[in-house]
Amino acid sequence: MKTVKVLGTGCTKCTKTAEVIERVAQAMGADVEVIKETRPEVIMQYQVMRTPAVVVDETLVHSGSIPAQEEIKQWLQ
């Protein structure tokens, strides 16, 4: 199972990012746990300056926008 963290303040883009990742994972049949992380001290541990940010298995893979579905598919393979 992959662990995907969506880092952000809970804004619309952050919520949408988590929803898109969940939809893509479901369509792929991928076993994924999506965690929404809003605590600033946790977000800063990843040295993120722009949200939403995405961390897959503790590796920062994206920040600053809602990721494209094709990009998400690559992370979940």
PDB file of N, CA and C in Angstrom:
ATOM      1  N   MET A   1       0.838  -1.181   0.000  1.00  0.00           N
ATOM      2  CA  MET A   1       0.000   0.000   0.000  1.00  0.00           C
ATOM      3  C   MET A   1       0.884   1.245   0.000  1.00  0.00           C
ATOM      4  N   LYS A   2       0.545   2.179  -0.864  1.00  0.00           N
ATOM      5  CA  LYS A   2       1.256   3.454  -0.901  1.00  0.00           C
ATOM      6  C   LYS A   2       0.554   4.429   0.044  1.00  0.00           C
ATOM      7  N   THR A   3       1.346   5.277   0.675  1.00  0.00           N
ATOM      8  CA  THR A   3       0.814   6.336   1.520  1.00  0.00           C
ATOM      9  C   THR A   3       1.040   7.655   0.801  1.00  0.00           C
ATOM     10  N   VAL A   4      -0.051   8.380   0.577  1.00  0.00           N
ATOM     11  CA  VAL A   4       0.019   9.667  -0.111  1.00  0.00           C
ATOM     12  C   VAL A   4      -0.469  10.739   0.854  1.00  0.00           C
ATOM     13  N   LYS A   5       0.392  11.719   1.111  1.00  0.00           N
ATOM     14  CA  LYS A   5       0.009  12.838   1.973  1.00  0.00           C
ATOM     15  C   LYS A   5      -0.210  14.063   1.096  1.00  0.00           C
ATOM     16  N   VAL A   6      -1.343  14.719   1.312  1.00  0.00           N
ATOM     17  CA  VAL A   6      -1.611  15.991   0.664  1.00  0.00           C
ATOM     18  C   VAL A   6      -1.369  17.051   1.721  1.00  0.00           C
ATOM     19  N   LEU A   7      -0.350  17.869   1.498  1.00  0.00           N
ATOM     20  CA  LEU A   7       0.023  18.903   2.448  1.00  0.00           C
ATOM     21  C   LEU A   7      -0.603  20.222   2.051  1.00  0.00           C
ATOM     22  N   GLY A   8      -1.284  20.858   2.993  1.00  0.00           N
ATOM     23  CA  GLY A   8      -1.886  22.155   2.716  1.00  0.00           C
ATOM     24  C   GLY A   8      -2.754  22.608   3.860  1.00  0.00           C
ATOM     25  N   THR A   9      -3.246  23.809   3.727  1.00  0.00           N
ATOM     26  CA  THR A   9      -4.003  24.439   4.806  1.00  0.00           C
ATOM     27  C   THR A   9      -5.466  24.034   4.839  1.00  0.00           C
ATOM     28  N   GLY A  10      -5.880  23.211   3.905  1.00  0.00           N
ATOM     29  CA  GLY A  10      -7.292  22.834   3.833  1.00  0.00           C
ATOM     30  C   GLY A  10      -8.053  23.694   2.832  1.00  0.00           C
ATOM     31  N   CYS A  11      -7.319  24.421   2.007  1.00  0.00           N
ATOM     32  CA  CYS A  11      -7.935  25.281   0.996  1.00  0.00           C
ATOM     33  C   CYS A  11      -8.621  24.429  -0.083  1.00  0.00           C
ATOM     34  N   THR A  12      -9.327  25.069  -0.968  1.00  0.00           N
ATOM     35  CA  THR A  12     -10.050  24.376  -2.028  1.00  0.00           C
ATOM     36  C   THR A  12      -9.112  23.547  -2.896  1.00  0.00           C
ATOM     37  N   LYS A  13      -7.957  24.102  -3.259  1.00  0.00           N
ATOM     38  CA  LYS A  13      -7.008  23.363  -4.102  1.00  0.00           C
ATOM     39  C   LYS A  13      -6.474  22.127  -3.386  1.00  0.00           C
ATOM     40  N   CYS A  14      -6.259  22.248  -2.101  1.00  0.00           N
ATOM     41  CA  CYS A  14      -5.750  21.109  -1.324  1.00  0.00           C
ATOM     42  C   CYS A  14      -6.801  20.002  -1.255  1.00  0.00           C
ATOM     43  N   THR A  15      -8.030  20.368  -1.006  1.00  0.00           N
ATOM     44  CA  THR A  15      -9.124  19.406  -0.950  1.00  0.00           C
ATOM     45  C   THR A  15      -9.318  18.742  -2.302  1.00  0.00           C
ATOM     46  N   LYS A  16      -9.271  19.528  -3.367  1.00  0.00           N
ATOM     47  CA  LYS A  16      -9.439  19.012  -4.724  1.00  0.00           C
ATOM     48  C   LYS A  16      -8.300  18.047  -5.072  1.00  0.00           C
ATOM     49  N   THR A  17      -7.089  18.363  -4.657  1.00  0.00           N
ATOM     50  CA  THR A  17      -5.947  17.489  -4.914  1.00  0.00           C
ATOM     51  C   THR A  17      -6.168  16.117  -4.290  1.00  0.00           C
ATOM     52  N   ALA A  18      -6.604  16.087  -3.047  1.00  0.00           N
ATOM     53  CA  ALA A  18      -6.870  14.811  -2.370  1.00  0.00           C
ATOM     54  C   ALA A  18      -7.975  14.036  -3.084  1.00  0.00           C
ATOM     55  N   GLU A  19      -9.022  14.731  -3.515  1.00  0.00           N
ATOM     56  CA  GLU A  19     -10.129  14.079  -4.214  1.00  0.00           C
ATOM     57  C   GLU A  19      -9.669  13.468  -5.539  1.00  0.00           C
ATOM     58  N   VAL A  20      -8.871  14.200  -6.290  1.00  0.00           N
ATOM     59  CA  VAL A  20      -8.383  13.709  -7.583  1.00  0.00           C
ATOM     60  C   VAL A  20      -7.502  12.477  -7.381  1.00  0.00           C
ATOM     61  N   ILE A  21      -6.622  12.518  -6.393  1.00  0.00           N
ATOM     62  CA  ILE A  21      -5.751  11.370  -6.127  1.00  0.00           C
ATOM     63  C   ILE A  21      -6.589  10.151  -5.758  1.00  0.00           C
ATOM     64  N   GLU A  22      -7.598  10.340  -4.914  1.00  0.00           N
ATOM     65  CA  GLU A  22      -8.466   9.219  -4.523  1.00  0.00           C
ATOM     66  C   GLU A  22      -9.209   8.644  -5.725  1.00  0.00           C
ATOM     67  N   ARG A  23      -9.703   9.511  -6.612  1.00  0.00           N
ATOM     68  CA  ARG A  23     -10.425   9.051  -7.812  1.00  0.00           C
ATOM     69  C   ARG A  23      -9.508   8.266  -8.745  1.00  0.00           C
ATOM     70  N   VAL A  24      -8.314   8.785  -8.987  1.00  0.00           N
ATOM     71  CA  VAL A  24      -7.367   8.112  -9.877  1.00  0.00           C
ATOM     72  C   VAL A  24      -6.967   6.765  -9.283  1.00  0.00           C
ATOM     73  N   ALA A  25      -6.695   6.724  -7.993  1.00  0.00           N
ATOM     74  CA  ALA A  25      -6.314   5.474  -7.333  1.00  0.00           C
ATOM     75  C   ALA A  25      -7.432   4.442  -7.442  1.00  0.00           C
ATOM     76  N   GLN A  26      -8.663   4.881  -7.236  1.00  0.00           N
ATOM     77  CA  GLN A  26      -9.799   3.965  -7.325  1.00  0.00           C
ATOM     78  C   GLN A  26      -9.942   3.434  -8.747  1.00  0.00           C
ATOM     79  N   ALA A  27      -9.792   4.307  -9.742  1.00  0.00           N
ATOM     80  CA  ALA A  27      -9.919   3.894 -11.145  1.00  0.00           C
ATOM     81  C   ALA A  27      -8.823   2.900 -11.534  1.00  0.00           C
ATOM     82  N   MET A  28      -7.648   3.057 -10.937  1.00  0.00           N
ATOM     83  CA  MET A  28      -6.526   2.161 -11.226  1.00  0.00           C
ATOM     84  C   MET A  28      -6.595   0.874 -10.411  1.00  0.00           C
ATOM     85  N   GLY A  29      -7.406   0.871  -9.372  1.00  0.00           N
ATOM     86  CA  GLY A  29      -7.442  -0.269  -8.469  1.00  0.00           C
ATOM     87  C   GLY A  29      -6.222  -0.306  -7.564  1.00  0.00           C
ATOM     88  N   ALA A  30      -5.629   0.864  -7.345  1.00  0.00           N
ATOM     89  CA  ALA A  30      -4.419   0.956  -6.524  1.00  0.00           C
ATOM     90  C   ALA A  30      -4.779   0.979  -5.047  1.00  0.00           C
ATOM     91  N   ASP A  31      -3.952   0.337  -4.241  1.00  0.00           N
ATOM     92  CA  ASP A  31      -4.135   0.310  -2.800  1.00  0.00           C
ATOM     93  C   ASP A  31      -3.398   1.518  -2.221  1.00  0.00           C
ATOM     94  N   VAL A  32      -4.154   2.571  -1.892  1.00  0.00           N
ATOM     95  CA  VAL A  32      -3.563   3.844  -1.493  1.00  0.00           C
ATOM     96  C   VAL A  32      -4.284   4.389  -0.266  1.00  0.00           C
ATOM     97  N   GLU A  33      -3.500   4.917   0.658  1.00  0.00           N
ATOM     98  CA  GLU A  33      -4.050   5.645   1.795  1.00  0.00           C
ATOM     99  C   GLU A  33      -3.740   7.116   1.567  1.00  0.00           C
ATOM    100  N   VAL A  34      -4.777   7.957   1.486  1.00  0.00           N
ATOM    101  CA  VAL A  34      -4.591   9.390   1.282  1.00  0.00           C
ATOM    102  C   VAL A  34      -4.795  10.089   2.625  1.00  0.00           C
ATOM    103  N   ILE A  35      -3.796  10.836   3.033  1.00  0.00           N
ATOM    104  CA  ILE A  35      -3.825  11.565   4.301  1.00  0.00           C
ATOM    105  C   ILE A  35      -3.765  13.056   3.999  1.00  0.00           C
ATOM    106  N   LYS A  36      -4.682  13.819   4.573  1.00  0.00           N
ATOM    107  CA  LYS A  36      -4.656  15.279   4.420  1.00  0.00           C
ATOM    108  C   LYS A  36      -3.951  15.858   5.646  1.00  0.00           C
ATOM    109  N   GLU A  37      -2.810  16.479   5.416  1.00  0.00           N
ATOM    110  CA  GLU A  37      -2.002  17.040   6.501  1.00  0.00           C
ATOM    111  C   GLU A  37      -2.078  18.557   6.466  1.00  0.00           C
ATOM    112  N   THR A  38      -2.598  19.161   7.541  1.00  0.00           N
ATOM    113  CA  THR A  38      -2.787  20.614   7.571  1.00  0.00           C
ATOM    114  C   THR A  38      -1.921  21.313   8.613  1.00  0.00           C
ATOM    115  N   ARG A  39      -1.206  20.562   9.434  1.00  0.00           N
ATOM    116  CA  ARG A  39      -0.396  21.186  10.489  1.00  0.00           C
ATOM    117  C   ARG A  39       0.858  21.829   9.895  1.00  0.00           C
ATOM    118  N   PRO A  40       1.021  23.145  10.105  1.00  0.00           N
ATOM    119  CA  PRO A  40       2.170  23.862   9.531  1.00  0.00           C
ATOM    120  C   PRO A  40       3.515  23.260   9.909  1.00  0.00           C
ATOM    121  N   GLU A  41       3.660  22.779  11.136  1.00  0.00           N
ATOM    122  CA  GLU A  41       4.950  22.228  11.565  1.00  0.00           C
ATOM    123  C   GLU A  41       5.299  20.954  10.786  1.00  0.00           C
ATOM    124  N   VAL A  42       4.285  20.175  10.403  1.00  0.00           N
ATOM    125  CA  VAL A  42       4.522  18.969   9.613  1.00  0.00           C
ATOM    126  C   VAL A  42       4.843  19.350   8.169  1.00  0.00           C
ATOM    127  N   ILE A  43       4.090  20.288   7.625  1.00  0.00           N
ATOM    128  CA  ILE A  43       4.317  20.745   6.245  1.00  0.00           C
ATOM    129  C   ILE A  43       5.739  21.289   6.097  1.00  0.00           C
ATOM    130  N   MET A  44       6.208  22.041   7.073  1.00  0.00           N
ATOM    131  CA  MET A  44       7.547  22.630   7.004  1.00  0.00           C
ATOM    132  C   MET A  44       8.646  21.574   7.074  1.00  0.00           C
ATOM    133  N   GLN A  45       8.362  20.408   7.654  1.00  0.00           N
ATOM    134  CA  GLN A  45       9.366  19.335   7.696  1.00  0.00           C
ATOM    135  C   GLN A  45       9.737  18.872   6.288  1.00  0.00           C
ATOM    136  N   TYR A  46       8.818  19.039   5.351  1.00  0.00           N
ATOM    137  CA  TYR A  46       9.064  18.643   3.960  1.00  0.00           C
ATOM    138  C   TYR A  46       9.637  19.795   3.136  1.00  0.00           C
ATOM    139  N   GLN A  47       9.902  20.930   3.771  1.00  0.00           N
ATOM    140  CA  GLN A  47      10.446  22.128   3.125  1.00  0.00           C
ATOM    141  C   GLN A  47       9.579  22.599   1.965  1.00  0.00           C
ATOM    142  N   VAL A  48       8.276  22.556   2.171  1.00  0.00           N
ATOM    143  CA  VAL A  48       7.308  22.980   1.163  1.00  0.00           C
ATOM    144  C   VAL A  48       7.053  24.475   1.313  1.00  0.00           C
ATOM    145  N   MET A  49       7.145  25.187   0.202  1.00  0.00           N
ATOM    146  CA  MET A  49       6.876  26.624   0.209  1.00  0.00           C
ATOM    147  C   MET A  49       5.532  26.959  -0.436  1.00  0.00           C
ATOM    148  N   ARG A  50       5.049  26.045  -1.277  1.00  0.00           N
ATOM    149  CA  ARG A  50       3.775  26.284  -1.973  1.00  0.00           C
ATOM    150  C   ARG A  50       2.899  25.049  -1.847  1.00  0.00           C
ATOM    151  N   THR A  51       1.632  25.292  -1.517  1.00  0.00           N
ATOM    152  CA  THR A  51       0.687  24.182  -1.401  1.00  0.00           C
ATOM    153  C   THR A  51      -0.364  24.300  -2.493  1.00  0.00           C
ATOM    154  N   PRO A  52      -1.050  23.235  -2.825  1.00  0.00           N
ATOM    155  CA  PRO A  52      -0.928  21.915  -2.222  1.00  0.00           C
ATOM    156  C   PRO A  52       0.362  21.224  -2.649  1.00  0.00           C
ATOM    157  N   ALA A  53       0.835  20.376  -1.756  1.00  0.00           N
ATOM    158  CA  ALA A  53       2.012  19.558  -2.038  1.00  0.00           C
ATOM    159  C   ALA A  53       1.623  18.097  -1.841  1.00  0.00           C
ATOM    160  N   VAL A  54       2.321  17.217  -2.544  1.00  0.00           N
ATOM    161  CA  VAL A  54       2.019  15.790  -2.472  1.00  0.00           C
ATOM    162  C   VAL A  54       3.291  15.030  -2.106  1.00  0.00           C
ATOM    163  N   VAL A  55       3.157  14.167  -1.104  1.00  0.00           N
ATOM    164  CA  VAL A  55       4.250  13.317  -0.648  1.00  0.00           C
ATOM    165  C   VAL A  55       3.808  11.874  -0.837  1.00  0.00           C
ATOM    166  N   VAL A  56       4.572  11.096  -1.584  1.00  0.00           N
ATOM    167  CA  VAL A  56       4.265   9.680  -1.801  1.00  0.00           C
ATOM    168  C   VAL A  56       5.344   8.864  -1.106  1.00  0.00           C
ATOM    169  N   ASP A  57       4.926   8.046  -0.155  1.00  0.00           N
ATOM    170  CA  ASP A  57       5.868   7.215   0.617  1.00  0.00           C
ATOM    171  C   ASP A  57       7.053   8.034   1.112  1.00  0.00           C
ATOM    172  N   GLU A  58       6.742   9.178   1.712  1.00  0.00           N
ATOM    173  CA  GLU A  58       7.714  10.085   2.345  1.00  0.00           C
ATOM    174  C   GLU A  58       8.654  10.793   1.370  1.00  0.00           C
ATOM    175  N   THR A  59       8.316  10.821   0.066  1.00  0.00           N
ATOM    176  CA  THR A  59       9.094  11.568  -0.917  1.00  0.00           C
ATOM    177  C   THR A  59       8.219  12.658  -1.508  1.00  0.00           C
ATOM    178  N   LEU A  60       8.673  13.902  -1.417  1.00  0.00           N
ATOM    179  CA  LEU A  60       7.933  15.021  -2.006  1.00  0.00           C
ATOM    180  C   LEU A  60       7.981  14.887  -3.525  1.00  0.00           C
ATOM    181  N   VAL A  61       6.796  14.803  -4.158  1.00  0.00           N
ATOM    182  CA  VAL A  61       6.755  14.614  -5.605  1.00  0.00           C
ATOM    183  C   VAL A  61       6.128  15.782  -6.352  1.00  0.00           C
ATOM    184  N   HIS A  62       5.445  16.694  -5.625  1.00  0.00           N
ATOM    185  CA  HIS A  62       4.745  17.774  -6.319  1.00  0.00           C
ATOM    186  C   HIS A  62       4.424  18.880  -5.320  1.00  0.00           C
ATOM    187  N   SER A  63       4.428  20.132  -5.807  1.00  0.00           N
ATOM    188  CA  SER A  63       3.944  21.233  -4.966  1.00  0.00           C
ATOM    189  C   SER A  63       3.530  22.411  -5.833  1.00  0.00           C
ATOM    190  N   GLY A  64       2.586  23.171  -5.302  1.00  0.00           N
ATOM    191  CA  GLY A  64       2.199  24.433  -5.907  1.00  0.00           C
ATOM    192  C   GLY A  64       0.963  24.444  -6.773  1.00  0.00           C
ATOM    193  N   SER A  65       0.412  23.266  -7.092  1.00  0.00           N
ATOM    194  CA  SER A  65      -0.787  23.229  -7.941  1.00  0.00           C
ATOM    195  C   SER A  65      -1.471  21.876  -7.805  1.00  0.00           C
ATOM    196  N   ILE A  66      -2.645  21.773  -8.410  1.00  0.00           N
ATOM    197  CA  ILE A  66      -3.343  20.494  -8.466  1.00  0.00           C
ATOM    198  C   ILE A  66      -2.650  19.660  -9.535  1.00  0.00           C
ATOM    199  N   PRO A  67      -2.159  18.470  -9.191  1.00  0.00           N
ATOM    200  CA  PRO A  67      -1.429  17.662 -10.172  1.00  0.00           C
ATOM    201  C   PRO A  67      -2.350  17.090 -11.255  1.00  0.00           C
ATOM    202  N   ALA A  68      -1.776  16.859 -12.425  1.00  0.00           N
ATOM    203  CA  ALA A  68      -2.512  16.255 -13.541  1.00  0.00           C
ATOM    204  C   ALA A  68      -2.729  14.773 -13.259  1.00  0.00           C
ATOM    205  N   GLN A  69      -3.804  14.225 -13.804  1.00  0.00           N
ATOM    206  CA  GLN A  69      -4.128  12.820 -13.583  1.00  0.00           C
ATOM    207  C   GLN A  69      -3.009  11.901 -14.081  1.00  0.00           C
ATOM    208  N   GLU A  70      -2.387  12.223 -15.200  1.00  0.00           N
ATOM    209  CA  GLU A  70      -1.302  11.390 -15.729  1.00  0.00           C
ATOM    210  C   GLU A  70      -0.121  11.350 -14.760  1.00  0.00           C
ATOM    211  N   GLU A  71       0.147  12.485 -14.136  1.00  0.00           N
ATOM    212  CA  GLU A  71       1.227  12.560 -13.161  1.00  0.00           C
ATOM    213  C   GLU A  71       0.906  11.675 -11.948  1.00  0.00           C
ATOM    214  N   ILE A  72      -0.325  11.733 -11.495  1.00  0.00           N
ATOM    215  CA  ILE A  72      -0.766  10.917 -10.355  1.00  0.00           C
ATOM    216  C   ILE A  72      -0.635   9.433 -10.682  1.00  0.00           C
ATOM    217  N   LYS A  73      -1.021   9.054 -11.890  1.00  0.00           N
ATOM    218  CA  LYS A  73      -0.919   7.641 -12.302  1.00  0.00           C
ATOM    219  C   LYS A  73       0.511   7.150 -12.194  1.00  0.00           C
ATOM    220  N   GLN A  74       1.472   7.983 -12.584  1.00  0.00           N
ATOM    221  CA  GLN A  74       2.886   7.593 -12.517  1.00  0.00           C
ATOM    222  C   GLN A  74       3.310   7.362 -11.065  1.00  0.00           C
ATOM    223  N   TRP A  75       2.840   8.202 -10.156  1.00  0.00           N
ATOM    224  CA  TRP A  75       3.209   8.050  -8.744  1.00  0.00           C
ATOM    225  C   TRP A  75       2.658   6.755  -8.159  1.00  0.00           C
ATOM    226  N   LEU A  76       1.484   6.352  -8.621  1.00  0.00           N
ATOM    227  CA  LEU A  76       0.794   5.223  -8.007  1.00  0.00           C
ATOM    228  C   LEU A  76       1.144   3.875  -8.616  1.00  0.00           C
ATOM    229  N   GLN A  77       1.913   3.864  -9.674  1.00  0.00           N
ATOM    230  CA  GLN A  77       2.290   2.593 -10.312  1.00  0.00           C
ATOM    231  C   GLN A  77       3.298   1.836  -9.480  1.00  0.00           C
TER     232      GLN A  77
END
